[in-house]
Amino acid sequence: MKQVKLAALAATVMVMTAGTQAEAQEIYAHGGTLGAGVGAALPLNSWAGVHAEFEGFGLSRSFNVDGNQYDGHLKLLQGGLYVDLFPFKSSGFRVTAGALINDDEVTAHAVPNAQGNYKIGDAFVPAVGAAPSTTITLPRVMPYLGIGYGHKPVSKGFGVTFDLGVAYGRPRTSYSVPAIYSMLATQANIDQEEQNISNKVERYKVYPVVQIGVSYRFN
């Protein structure tokens, strides 16, 4: 279902960019905390419009959870559907609200400590098999609210776009332990480690959005 949603959003962007010049459409490329991507904008009238976009990027890094190190990979892949309101007639400043539709996740595996052990909750177990791992995901749909500049139908040609806002979504955590470690650590320790990871990522339920780009209007 998530792939269908993202494919539908990508199709929306392509349809919006395929219109005629008479509709005064705009296309843009941008980058920032959501990654790099492309989008398209359509005016509704002199004070309102809509835009849709598709972007993403990947990043690998290590992090520590209660004394246990994890090597992780962050994958951002999402799009957005937004409504723009322009409160000032002579300005491209806007207020933007909408939704991110995403397939964002962090996958990570535990790294043995200097003694060759994994820490699972309060238990230390020898690293004798595949590593315990965790997957952290964001909700598939996240509300967004922000301010920005650009996408207002003024004249044909190049312009700039800027967005500053926040998206909200509570991360979800899953934790997987190979069977061999289940014999060495209690279920209470496994549950505790999953809760430790969940507590670590809970602070990231508000996602900051800063994007800047270049646009071109056809009319």
C-alpha atoms as a PDB file:
ATOM      1  CA  MET A   1       0.000   0.000   0.000  1.00  0.00           C
ATOM      2  CA  LYS A   2       2.811   2.468   0.808  1.00  0.00           C
ATOM      3  CA  GLN A   3       4.384   1.906  -2.626  1.00  0.00           C
ATOM      4  CA  VAL A   4       1.001   2.556  -4.254  1.00  0.00           C
ATOM      5  CA  LYS A   5       0.622   5.853  -2.381  1.00  0.00           C
ATOM      6  CA  LEU A   6       4.100   7.016  -3.356  1.00  0.00           C
ATOM      7  CA  ALA A   7       3.582   5.962  -6.982  1.00  0.00           C
ATOM      8  CA  ALA A   8       0.293   7.874  -7.067  1.00  0.00           C
ATOM      9  CA  LEU A   9       2.013  10.947  -5.670  1.00  0.00           C
ATOM     10  CA  ALA A  10       4.802  10.714  -8.238  1.00  0.00           C
ATOM     11  CA  ALA A  11       2.170  10.422 -10.955  1.00  0.00           C
ATOM     12  CA  THR A  12       0.462  13.553  -9.615  1.00  0.00           C
ATOM     13  CA  VAL A  13       3.711  15.493  -9.919  1.00  0.00           C
ATOM     14  CA  MET A  14       4.226  14.265 -13.473  1.00  0.00           C
ATOM     15  CA  VAL A  15       0.672  15.140 -14.502  1.00  0.00           C
ATOM     16  CA  MET A  16       1.024  18.619 -13.047  1.00  0.00           C
ATOM     17  CA  THR A  17       4.271  19.171 -14.948  1.00  0.00           C
ATOM     18  CA  ALA A  18       2.761  17.950 -18.219  1.00  0.00           C
ATOM     19  CA  GLY A  19       0.116  20.671 -18.585  1.00  0.00           C
ATOM     20  CA  THR A  20      -0.018  23.504 -21.078  1.00  0.00           C
ATOM     21  CA  GLN A  21       1.602  26.905 -20.703  1.00  0.00           C
ATOM     22  CA  ALA A  22      -1.834  28.501 -20.598  1.00  0.00           C
ATOM     23  CA  GLU A  23      -2.346  26.975 -17.143  1.00  0.00           C
ATOM     24  CA  ALA A  24       0.684  28.906 -15.809  1.00  0.00           C
ATOM     25  CA  GLN A  25       2.238  25.821 -14.267  1.00  0.00           C
ATOM     26  CA  GLU A  26       5.553  25.789 -12.457  1.00  0.00           C
ATOM     27  CA  ILE A  27       8.148  23.077 -11.958  1.00  0.00           C
ATOM     28  CA  TYR A  28      10.951  23.148  -9.420  1.00  0.00           C
ATOM     29  CA  ALA A  29      13.902  21.240  -8.000  1.00  0.00           C
ATOM     30  CA  HIS A  30      14.894  21.576  -4.362  1.00  0.00           C
ATOM     31  CA  GLY A  31      16.902  20.090  -1.514  1.00  0.00           C
ATOM     32  CA  GLY A  32      17.140  20.177   2.261  1.00  0.00           C
ATOM     33  CA  THR A  33      16.187  18.143   5.306  1.00  0.00           C
ATOM     34  CA  LEU A  34      13.709  16.058   3.295  1.00  0.00           C
ATOM     35  CA  GLY A  35      16.341  15.221   0.697  1.00  0.00           C
ATOM     36  CA  ALA A  36      16.582  16.244  -2.947  1.00  0.00           C
ATOM     37  CA  GLY A  37      13.676  16.108  -5.354  1.00  0.00           C
ATOM     38  CA  VAL A  38      11.344  17.712  -7.860  1.00  0.00           C
ATOM     39  CA  GLY A  39       7.863  19.153  -7.783  1.00  0.00           C
ATOM     40  CA  ALA A  40       5.196  21.135  -9.552  1.00  0.00           C
ATOM     41  CA  ALA A  41       2.858  23.968  -8.548  1.00  0.00           C
ATOM     42  CA  LEU A  42      -0.505  25.189  -9.801  1.00  0.00           C
ATOM     43  CA  PRO A  43      -2.253  28.465  -8.925  1.00  0.00           C
ATOM     44  CA  LEU A  44      -5.910  28.365  -7.897  1.00  0.00           C
ATOM     45  CA  ASN A  45      -6.339  32.144  -7.891  1.00  0.00           C
ATOM     46  CA  SER A  46      -4.305  35.226  -6.962  1.00  0.00           C
ATOM     47  CA  TRP A  47      -4.060  34.287  -3.286  1.00  0.00           C
ATOM     48  CA  ALA A  48      -4.024  30.461  -3.229  1.00  0.00           C
ATOM     49  CA  GLY A  49      -2.368  27.538  -4.973  1.00  0.00           C
ATOM     50  CA  VAL A  50      -1.316  23.928  -4.595  1.00  0.00           C
ATOM     51  CA  HIS A  51       1.955  22.086  -5.076  1.00  0.00           C
ATOM     52  CA  ALA A  52       3.137  18.475  -5.042  1.00  0.00           C
ATOM     53  CA  GLU A  53       6.634  17.056  -4.778  1.00  0.00           C
ATOM     54  CA  PHE A  54       8.709  13.901  -4.496  1.00  0.00           C
ATOM     55  CA  GLU A  55      12.127  13.619  -2.809  1.00  0.00           C
ATOM     56  CA  GLY A  56      14.518  11.491  -0.763  1.00  0.00           C
ATOM     57  CA  PHE A  57      18.066  10.595   0.275  1.00  0.00           C
ATOM     58  CA  GLY A  58      20.029   8.048   2.327  1.00  0.00           C
ATOM     59  CA  LEU A  59      22.532   8.380   5.165  1.00  0.00           C
ATOM     60  CA  SER A  60      24.548   5.868   7.213  1.00  0.00           C
ATOM     61  CA  ARG A  61      25.707   6.587  10.755  1.00  0.00           C
ATOM     62  CA  SER A  62      26.244   4.998  14.169  1.00  0.00           C
ATOM     63  CA  PHE A  63      24.326   5.807  17.342  1.00  0.00           C
ATOM     64  CA  ASN A  64      24.351   4.717  20.967  1.00  0.00           C
ATOM     65  CA  VAL A  65      21.393   3.468  23.008  1.00  0.00           C
ATOM     66  CA  ASP A  66      22.010   3.002  26.742  1.00  0.00           C
ATOM     67  CA  GLY A  67      25.590   1.795  26.215  1.00  0.00           C
ATOM     68  CA  ASN A  68      24.824  -0.318  23.152  1.00  0.00           C
ATOM     69  CA  GLN A  69      26.211   0.846  19.791  1.00  0.00           C
ATOM     70  CA  TYR A  70      24.227   0.431  16.576  1.00  0.00           C
ATOM     71  CA  ASP A  71      25.299   0.886  12.971  1.00  0.00           C
ATOM     72  CA  GLY A  72      22.320   2.292  11.115  1.00  0.00           C
ATOM     73  CA  HIS A  73      21.098   3.468   7.739  1.00  0.00           C
ATOM     74  CA  LEU A  74      18.511   6.210   7.339  1.00  0.00           C
ATOM     75  CA  LYS A  75      16.336   6.103   4.226  1.00  0.00           C
ATOM     76  CA  LEU A  76      14.102   9.057   3.439  1.00  0.00           C
ATOM     77  CA  LEU A  77      11.671   8.569   0.573  1.00  0.00           C
ATOM     78  CA  GLN A  78       8.561  10.694   0.550  1.00  0.00           C
ATOM     79  CA  GLY A  79       6.409  13.159  -1.280  1.00  0.00           C
ATOM     80  CA  GLY A  80       4.056  15.918  -0.261  1.00  0.00           C
ATOM     81  CA  LEU A  81       0.731  17.434  -1.214  1.00  0.00           C
ATOM     82  CA  TYR A  82       0.261  21.033  -0.051  1.00  0.00           C
ATOM     83  CA  VAL A  83      -2.056  24.039  -0.158  1.00  0.00           C
ATOM     84  CA  ASP A  84      -0.430  27.496  -0.312  1.00  0.00           C
ATOM     85  CA  LEU A  85      -2.041  30.721   0.910  1.00  0.00           C
ATOM     86  CA  PHE A  86      -0.532  34.106  -0.040  1.00  0.00           C
ATOM     87  CA  PRO A  87      -1.692  36.727   2.501  1.00  0.00           C
ATOM     88  CA  PHE A  88       0.087  39.662   0.812  1.00  0.00           C
ATOM     89  CA  LYS A  89      -0.870  40.647  -2.720  1.00  0.00           C
ATOM     90  CA  SER A  90       2.555  41.967  -3.697  1.00  0.00           C
ATOM     91  CA  SER A  91       4.661  39.260  -2.037  1.00  0.00           C
ATOM     92  CA  GLY A  92       5.560  35.621  -2.640  1.00  0.00           C
ATOM     93  CA  PHE A  93       5.445  34.921   1.108  1.00  0.00           C
ATOM     94  CA  ARG A  94       3.027  32.107   1.875  1.00  0.00           C
ATOM     95  CA  VAL A  95       1.577  29.903   4.588  1.00  0.00           C
ATOM     96  CA  THR A  96       1.596  26.237   3.627  1.00  0.00           C
ATOM     97  CA  ALA A  97      -0.281  23.247   5.056  1.00  0.00           C
ATOM     98  CA  GLY A  98      -0.476  19.692   3.813  1.00  0.00           C
ATOM     99  CA  ALA A  99       0.773  16.156   4.302  1.00  0.00           C
ATOM    100  CA  LEU A 100       3.940  14.133   3.802  1.00  0.00           C
ATOM    101  CA  ILE A 101       3.351  10.638   2.443  1.00  0.00           C
ATOM    102  CA  ASN A 102       6.468   8.675   3.223  1.00  0.00           C
ATOM    103  CA  ASP A 103       8.403   5.435   3.309  1.00  0.00           C
ATOM    104  CA  ASP A 104      11.001   6.690   5.806  1.00  0.00           C
ATOM    105  CA  GLU A 105      12.852   4.226   8.010  1.00  0.00           C
ATOM    106  CA  VAL A 106      16.021   3.562   9.960  1.00  0.00           C
ATOM    107  CA  THR A 107      17.461   0.030   9.941  1.00  0.00           C
ATOM    108  CA  ALA A 108      20.305  -0.763  12.330  1.00  0.00           C
ATOM    109  CA  HIS A 109      22.185  -3.668  13.852  1.00  0.00           C
ATOM    110  CA  ALA A 110      24.003  -3.887  17.170  1.00  0.00           C
ATOM    111  CA  VAL A 111      27.806  -3.744  17.268  1.00  0.00           C
ATOM    112  CA  PRO A 112      29.738  -5.926  19.772  1.00  0.00           C
ATOM    113  CA  ASN A 113      31.531  -4.051  22.540  1.00  0.00           C
ATOM    114  CA  ALA A 114      35.262  -4.323  23.266  1.00  0.00           C
ATOM    115  CA  GLN A 115      34.660  -7.585  25.137  1.00  0.00           C
ATOM    116  CA  GLY A 116      32.841  -9.115  22.171  1.00  0.00           C
ATOM    117  CA  ASN A 117      29.385  -8.893  23.744  1.00  0.00           C
ATOM    118  CA  TYR A 118      26.023  -7.447  22.795  1.00  0.00           C
ATOM    119  CA  LYS A 119      24.034  -5.591  25.443  1.00  0.00           C
ATOM    120  CA  ILE A 120      20.359  -6.565  25.497  1.00  0.00           C
ATOM    121  CA  GLY A 121      18.573  -4.646  28.225  1.00  0.00           C
ATOM    122  CA  ASP A 122      20.711  -5.268  31.314  1.00  0.00           C
ATOM    123  CA  ALA A 123      22.170  -8.505  29.954  1.00  0.00           C
ATOM    124  CA  PHE A 124      25.471  -8.969  28.125  1.00  0.00           C
ATOM    125  CA  VAL A 125      25.553 -11.895  25.698  1.00  0.00           C
ATOM    126  CA  PRO A 126      28.500 -13.152  23.584  1.00  0.00           C
ATOM    127  CA  ALA A 127      28.382 -12.180  19.909  1.00  0.00           C
ATOM    128  CA  VAL A 128      28.157 -15.733  18.553  1.00  0.00           C
ATOM    129  CA  GLY A 129      25.636 -15.202  15.760  1.00  0.00           C
ATOM    130  CA  ALA A 130      23.801 -12.616  13.704  1.00  0.00           C
ATOM    131  CA  ALA A 131      23.430  -9.256  15.411  1.00  0.00           C
ATOM    132  CA  PRO A 132      20.238  -8.048  17.118  1.00  0.00           C
ATOM    133  CA  SER A 133      18.614  -5.437  14.904  1.00  0.00           C
ATOM    134  CA  THR A 134      16.039  -2.695  14.997  1.00  0.00           C
ATOM    135  CA  THR A 135      13.792  -0.941  12.506  1.00  0.00           C
ATOM    136  CA  ILE A 136      12.373   2.520  13.161  1.00  0.00           C
ATOM    137  CA  THR A 137       9.610   3.893  10.950  1.00  0.00           C
ATOM    138  CA  LEU A 138       7.545   7.068  10.777  1.00  0.00           C
ATOM    139  CA  PRO A 139       3.800   7.146  10.078  1.00  0.00           C
ATOM    140  CA  ARG A 140       2.953   6.814   6.390  1.00  0.00           C
ATOM    141  CA  VAL A 141       1.095  10.140   6.471  1.00  0.00           C
ATOM    142  CA  MET A 142       2.371  13.095   8.516  1.00  0.00           C
ATOM    143  CA  PRO A 143       0.669  16.516   8.774  1.00  0.00           C
ATOM    144  CA  TYR A 144       2.794  19.512   7.819  1.00  0.00           C
ATOM    145  CA  LEU A 145       2.543  23.223   8.640  1.00  0.00           C
ATOM    146  CA  GLY A 146       4.991  25.927   7.670  1.00  0.00           C
ATOM    147  CA  ILE A 147       5.793  29.162   5.930  1.00  0.00           C
ATOM    148  CA  GLY A 148       7.664  29.761   2.723  1.00  0.00           C
ATOM    149  CA  TYR A 149       8.367  31.804  -0.355  1.00  0.00           C
ATOM    150  CA  GLY A 150       7.653  31.108  -4.006  1.00  0.00           C
ATOM    151  CA  HIS A 151       5.077  29.297  -6.172  1.00  0.00           C
ATOM    152  CA  LYS A 152       3.032  32.475  -6.558  1.00  0.00           C
ATOM    153  CA  PRO A 153       2.037  33.137 -10.201  1.00  0.00           C
ATOM    154  CA  VAL A 154       3.814  36.372 -11.047  1.00  0.00           C
ATOM    155  CA  SER A 155       5.605  36.082 -14.386  1.00  0.00           C
ATOM    156  CA  LYS A 156       7.247  33.590 -16.706  1.00  0.00           C
ATOM    157  CA  GLY A 157      10.808  32.525 -15.946  1.00  0.00           C
ATOM    158  CA  PHE A 158      13.072  31.367 -13.152  1.00  0.00           C
ATOM    159  CA  GLY A 159      12.494  31.935  -9.449  1.00  0.00           C
ATOM    160  CA  VAL A 160      13.443  30.624  -6.019  1.00  0.00           C
ATOM    161  CA  THR A 161      11.494  28.618  -3.490  1.00  0.00           C
ATOM    162  CA  PHE A 162      11.985  28.303   0.246  1.00  0.00           C
ATOM    163  CA  ASP A 163      10.153  26.313   2.901  1.00  0.00           C
ATOM    164  CA  LEU A 164      10.461  26.326   6.677  1.00  0.00           C
ATOM    165  CA  GLY A 165       8.126  24.209   8.786  1.00  0.00           C
ATOM    166  CA  VAL A 166       7.521  21.038  10.766  1.00  0.00           C
ATOM    167  CA  ALA A 167       5.963  17.653  10.098  1.00  0.00           C
ATOM    168  CA  TYR A 168       4.584  15.598  12.986  1.00  0.00           C
ATOM    169  CA  GLY A 169       4.661  11.838  13.390  1.00  0.00           C
ATOM    170  CA  ARG A 170       5.423   9.500  16.277  1.00  0.00           C
ATOM    171  CA  PRO A 171       8.190   6.986  15.385  1.00  0.00           C
ATOM    172  CA  ARG A 172       7.467   3.262  15.717  1.00  0.00           C
ATOM    173  CA  THR A 173      10.160   0.813  16.831  1.00  0.00           C
ATOM    174  CA  SER A 174      10.583  -2.925  16.286  1.00  0.00           C
ATOM    175  CA  TYR A 175      13.449  -4.963  17.746  1.00  0.00           C
ATOM    176  CA  SER A 176      14.542  -8.382  16.524  1.00  0.00           C
ATOM    177  CA  VAL A 177      16.778 -10.812  18.422  1.00  0.00           C
ATOM    178  CA  PRO A 178      18.112 -13.997  16.766  1.00  0.00           C
ATOM    179  CA  ALA A 179      16.937 -17.160  18.521  1.00  0.00           C
ATOM    180  CA  ILE A 180      20.390 -17.989  19.894  1.00  0.00           C
ATOM    181  CA  TYR A 181      20.321 -14.889  22.102  1.00  0.00           C
ATOM    182  CA  SER A 182      16.830 -15.668  23.357  1.00  0.00           C
ATOM    183  CA  MET A 183      18.454 -18.498  25.303  1.00  0.00           C
ATOM    184  CA  LEU A 184      20.936 -16.090  26.889  1.00  0.00           C
ATOM    185  CA  ALA A 185      18.731 -13.063  27.609  1.00  0.00           C
ATOM    186  CA  THR A 186      15.285 -13.026  29.198  1.00  0.00           C
ATOM    187  CA  GLN A 187      12.208 -11.693  27.441  1.00  0.00           C
ATOM    188  CA  ALA A 188      12.196  -8.886  30.010  1.00  0.00           C
ATOM    189  CA  ASN A 189      15.677  -7.834  28.844  1.00  0.00           C
ATOM    190  CA  ILE A 190      14.603  -8.000  25.187  1.00  0.00           C
ATOM    191  CA  ASP A 191      11.531  -5.891  25.933  1.00  0.00           C
ATOM    192  CA  GLN A 192      13.689  -3.432  27.892  1.00  0.00           C
ATOM    193  CA  GLU A 193      16.100  -2.985  24.957  1.00  0.00           C
ATOM    194  CA  GLU A 194      13.211  -2.320  22.594  1.00  0.00           C
ATOM    195  CA  GLN A 195      11.851   0.248  25.055  1.00  0.00           C
ATOM    196  CA  ASN A 196      15.305   1.862  25.348  1.00  0.00           C
ATOM    197  CA  ILE A 197      15.396   2.325  21.562  1.00  0.00           C
ATOM    198  CA  SER A 198      11.830   3.647  21.539  1.00  0.00           C
ATOM    199  CA  ASN A 199      12.709   6.175  24.247  1.00  0.00           C
ATOM    200  CA  LYS A 200      15.744   7.280  22.211  1.00  0.00           C
ATOM    201  CA  VAL A 201      13.724   8.054  19.059  1.00  0.00           C
ATOM    202  CA  GLU A 202      10.635   9.463  20.798  1.00  0.00           C
ATOM    203  CA  ARG A 203      12.177  12.950  20.747  1.00  0.00           C
ATOM    204  CA  TYR A 204      12.091  12.945  16.945  1.00  0.00           C
ATOM    205  CA  LYS A 205       8.302  13.007  16.559  1.00  0.00           C
ATOM    206  CA  VAL A 206       8.567  16.625  15.340  1.00  0.00           C
ATOM    207  CA  TYR A 207      10.545  16.663  12.111  1.00  0.00           C
ATOM    208  CA  PRO A 208      12.039  20.024  11.016  1.00  0.00           C
ATOM    209  CA  VAL A 209      11.675  20.872   7.337  1.00  0.00           C
ATOM    210  CA  VAL A 210      14.010  23.325   5.602  1.00  0.00           C
ATOM    211  CA  GLN A 211      14.039  23.207   1.785  1.00  0.00           C
ATOM    212  CA  ILE A 212      15.409  25.623  -0.831  1.00  0.00           C
ATOM    213  CA  GLY A 213      15.074  25.331  -4.592  1.00  0.00           C
ATOM    214  CA  VAL A 214      14.919  26.801  -8.058  1.00  0.00           C
ATOM    215  CA  SER A 215      11.681  27.018 -10.030  1.00  0.00           C
ATOM    216  CA  TYR A 216      10.588  27.777 -13.590  1.00  0.00           C
ATOM    217  CA  ARG A 217       7.155  29.128 -14.536  1.00  0.00           C
ATOM    218  CA  PHE A 218       5.851  28.574 -18.055  1.00  0.00           C
ATOM    219  CA  ASN A 219       3.564  31.590 -18.292  1.00  0.00           C
END
